[in-house]
Amino acid sequence: RRKIQRHSGPQERVDLSFVYPSLEAPAVPKHYSADTVEDKVQPIDRIFLSISAHHDALAPEARVSTIYPRYLDRTSAADDGLTTRAFRDGTPYAGEDLYTASEPALVARCTRDTSTPGMCLSERRIDGADLTFRFPRSWLAQWRDVATAMDRLAQQLHGSKN
């Protein structure tokens, strides 16, 4: 966190990133100036995770079953176990698609590629915390690996229950 964001006590939100696919902590970031930055778009090599208290907000599973359906297009496409449904134009989620799969479980809402690469959000609730994973839409080509990585991170952060 930046110095101004640091404070003692409970944090409202914690943002983490993990190098993908190893799920290692990233190396110390390099500092760039306007003279040293490259013009080309750098590939995203990490999965981002935000952890926040849910404060009784609607659970991610409830959003998928009660909110999203009213904005989704009726048609869907399935490929390699991953189902895609577009959100209709003129809705709050226009320009996005919903991807779902059951084994391994995955629900991701993704922006479409435009002048910037599309990004996906995948949310889950564990006890009192909401976990929001962010990753490039292009990674859906290996969606099973991404879903498994998110499961591993959630399990590591939550700890095993015996």
Protein backbone atom coordinates (compact mmCIF):
# COMPACT_ATOMS: atom_id res chain seq x y z
CA ARG A 1 0.00 0.00 0.00
CA ARG A 2 1.01 3.55 -0.53
CA LYS A 3 2.07 5.43 2.58
CA ILE A 4 -1.16 7.42 2.71
CA GLN A 5 -3.20 4.17 2.63
CA ARG A 6 -1.40 2.56 5.56
CA HIS A 7 -3.11 2.50 8.90
CA SER A 8 -3.26 0.16 11.85
CA GLY A 9 -6.27 -1.93 12.71
CA PRO A 10 -8.66 -3.87 10.50
CA GLN A 11 -8.39 -3.18 6.78
CA GLU A 12 -11.53 -2.65 4.73
CA ARG A 13 -9.92 -4.29 1.70
CA VAL A 14 -6.66 -6.04 0.92
CA ASP A 15 -5.36 -6.29 -2.66
CA LEU A 16 -2.91 -9.03 -3.60
CA SER A 17 -1.38 -10.33 -6.80
CA PHE A 18 0.14 -13.69 -7.64
CA VAL A 19 2.27 -14.61 -10.63
CA TYR A 20 0.30 -17.02 -12.81
CA PRO A 21 0.48 -19.99 -13.13
CA SER A 22 3.00 -20.54 -10.30
CA LEU A 23 0.93 -18.49 -7.79
CA GLU A 24 4.17 -17.17 -6.31
CA ALA A 25 4.38 -13.67 -4.88
CA PRO A 26 5.56 -11.24 -7.56
CA ALA A 27 9.10 -9.90 -7.53
CA VAL A 28 9.78 -6.40 -6.27
CA PRO A 29 8.18 -4.06 -8.82
CA LYS A 30 10.37 -2.06 -11.16
CA HIS A 31 9.96 1.69 -11.14
CA TYR A 32 9.43 3.36 -14.49
CA SER A 33 9.59 6.94 -15.62
CA ALA A 34 8.24 8.51 -18.80
CA ASP A 35 11.71 8.02 -20.31
CA THR A 36 12.01 4.32 -19.49
CA VAL A 37 8.49 3.05 -20.09
CA GLU A 38 7.92 1.12 -23.30
CA ASP A 39 5.10 2.00 -25.68
CA LYS A 40 3.98 -1.59 -26.21
CA VAL A 41 1.37 -3.18 -23.96
CA GLN A 42 3.00 -5.45 -21.43
CA PRO A 43 1.40 -8.89 -21.02
CA ILE A 44 -0.38 -9.50 -17.74
CA ASP A 45 1.29 -12.40 -15.97
CA ARG A 46 -0.57 -12.36 -12.67
CA ILE A 47 -3.92 -12.98 -11.12
CA PHE A 48 -5.20 -10.17 -8.89
CA LEU A 49 -7.19 -10.81 -5.74
CA SER A 50 -9.14 -8.34 -3.61
CA ILE A 51 -10.38 -9.50 -0.21
CA SER A 52 -13.03 -7.44 1.55
CA ALA A 53 -15.64 -7.84 4.27
CA HIS A 54 -19.02 -8.48 2.67
CA HIS A 55 -21.08 -6.43 5.15
CA ASP A 56 -24.21 -8.44 4.28
CA ALA A 57 -24.03 -7.52 0.59
CA LEU A 58 -25.68 -9.86 -1.89
CA ALA A 59 -23.65 -13.07 -2.17
CA PRO A 60 -21.93 -13.71 -5.52
CA GLU A 61 -23.98 -16.90 -6.03
CA ALA A 62 -27.22 -14.98 -5.47
CA ARG A 63 -26.15 -12.31 -7.98
CA VAL A 64 -25.58 -15.03 -10.60
CA SER A 65 -28.97 -16.62 -9.99
CA THR A 66 -31.15 -13.53 -9.41
CA ILE A 67 -29.58 -10.39 -10.91
CA TYR A 68 -27.61 -11.46 -13.98
CA PRO A 69 -30.37 -13.54 -15.67
CA ARG A 70 -32.57 -10.49 -16.26
CA TYR A 71 -29.77 -8.85 -18.29
CA LEU A 72 -28.49 -11.86 -20.23
CA ASP A 73 -29.14 -12.65 -23.87
CA ARG A 74 -31.24 -15.81 -24.29
CA THR A 75 -28.71 -17.56 -26.51
CA SER A 76 -25.66 -19.31 -25.18
CA ALA A 77 -22.66 -21.10 -26.59
CA ALA A 78 -20.75 -23.99 -25.05
CA ASP A 79 -17.19 -24.97 -25.84
CA ASP A 80 -15.07 -27.49 -23.95
CA GLY A 81 -17.35 -27.38 -20.89
CA LEU A 82 -17.43 -23.57 -20.69
CA THR A 83 -20.76 -21.84 -21.39
CA THR A 84 -20.83 -18.27 -22.65
CA ARG A 85 -23.80 -15.88 -22.51
CA ALA A 86 -23.63 -12.25 -23.59
CA PHE A 87 -25.23 -9.45 -21.62
CA ARG A 88 -27.75 -7.50 -23.71
CA ASP A 89 -26.98 -4.03 -25.05
CA GLY A 90 -28.58 -1.24 -23.05
CA THR A 91 -28.14 -3.08 -19.73
CA PRO A 92 -25.71 -2.22 -16.92
CA TYR A 93 -23.47 -5.08 -18.13
CA ALA A 94 -23.51 -4.27 -21.87
CA GLY A 95 -20.22 -5.17 -23.52
CA GLU A 96 -19.63 -8.06 -21.13
CA ASP A 97 -20.09 -11.82 -21.23
CA LEU A 98 -20.83 -14.33 -18.49
CA TYR A 99 -18.81 -17.56 -18.50
CA THR A 100 -19.89 -20.53 -16.40
CA ALA A 101 -18.66 -24.09 -15.91
CA SER A 102 -19.36 -26.78 -13.37
CA GLU A 103 -16.24 -28.97 -13.20
CA PRO A 104 -14.17 -27.29 -11.97
CA ALA A 105 -16.62 -24.61 -10.91
CA LEU A 106 -16.17 -21.23 -12.59
CA VAL A 107 -18.31 -18.13 -12.91
CA ALA A 108 -16.63 -15.13 -14.52
CA ARG A 109 -18.00 -11.86 -15.85
CA CYS A 110 -15.68 -10.56 -18.56
CA THR A 111 -15.34 -7.38 -20.57
CA ARG A 112 -14.75 -7.85 -24.26
CA ASP A 113 -11.44 -7.08 -25.93
CA THR A 114 -11.40 -3.53 -27.33
CA SER A 115 -8.45 -1.15 -27.46
CA THR A 116 -7.44 -2.78 -24.18
CA PRO A 117 -7.52 -6.50 -23.42
CA GLY A 118 -10.71 -7.82 -21.84
CA MET A 119 -10.59 -8.62 -18.13
CA CYS A 120 -12.61 -11.06 -16.04
CA LEU A 121 -14.00 -10.89 -12.51
CA SER A 122 -14.75 -14.03 -10.59
CA GLU A 123 -16.21 -13.68 -7.12
CA ARG A 124 -16.78 -16.01 -4.22
CA ARG A 125 -17.66 -15.66 -0.57
CA ILE A 126 -15.81 -17.48 2.18
CA ASP A 127 -17.14 -16.95 5.69
CA GLY A 128 -17.23 -13.16 6.24
CA ALA A 129 -15.07 -12.24 3.24
CA ASP A 130 -15.70 -11.65 -0.44
CA LEU A 131 -12.86 -12.69 -2.73
CA THR A 132 -12.73 -11.00 -6.14
CA PHE A 133 -10.30 -12.50 -8.64
CA ARG A 134 -9.29 -10.51 -11.74
CA PHE A 135 -7.51 -12.01 -14.73
CA PRO A 136 -7.22 -11.47 -18.50
CA ARG A 137 -10.08 -12.77 -20.62
CA SER A 138 -7.55 -14.48 -22.91
CA TRP A 139 -6.78 -16.91 -20.08
CA LEU A 140 -10.21 -18.51 -20.57
CA ALA A 141 -8.56 -20.60 -23.31
CA GLN A 142 -7.19 -22.58 -20.31
CA TRP A 143 -10.21 -22.01 -18.08
CA ARG A 144 -9.77 -25.21 -16.09
CA ASP A 145 -6.26 -24.16 -15.02
CA VAL A 146 -7.50 -20.71 -14.02
CA ALA A 147 -10.43 -22.14 -12.02
CA THR A 148 -8.09 -24.58 -10.27
CA ALA A 149 -5.64 -21.76 -9.46
CA MET A 150 -8.42 -19.67 -7.90
CA ASP A 151 -9.53 -22.69 -5.86
CA ARG A 152 -5.95 -23.23 -4.64
CA LEU A 153 -5.57 -19.58 -3.63
CA ALA A 154 -8.91 -19.54 -1.81
CA GLN A 155 -8.00 -22.72 0.04
CA GLN A 156 -4.53 -21.43 0.98
CA LEU A 157 -5.94 -18.14 2.26
CA HIS A 158 -8.81 -19.75 4.14
CA GLY A 159 -6.80 -22.67 5.45
CA SER A 160 -7.98 -26.23 5.57
CA LYS A 161 -10.80 -27.13 7.93
CA ASN A 162 -10.50 -30.42 9.69
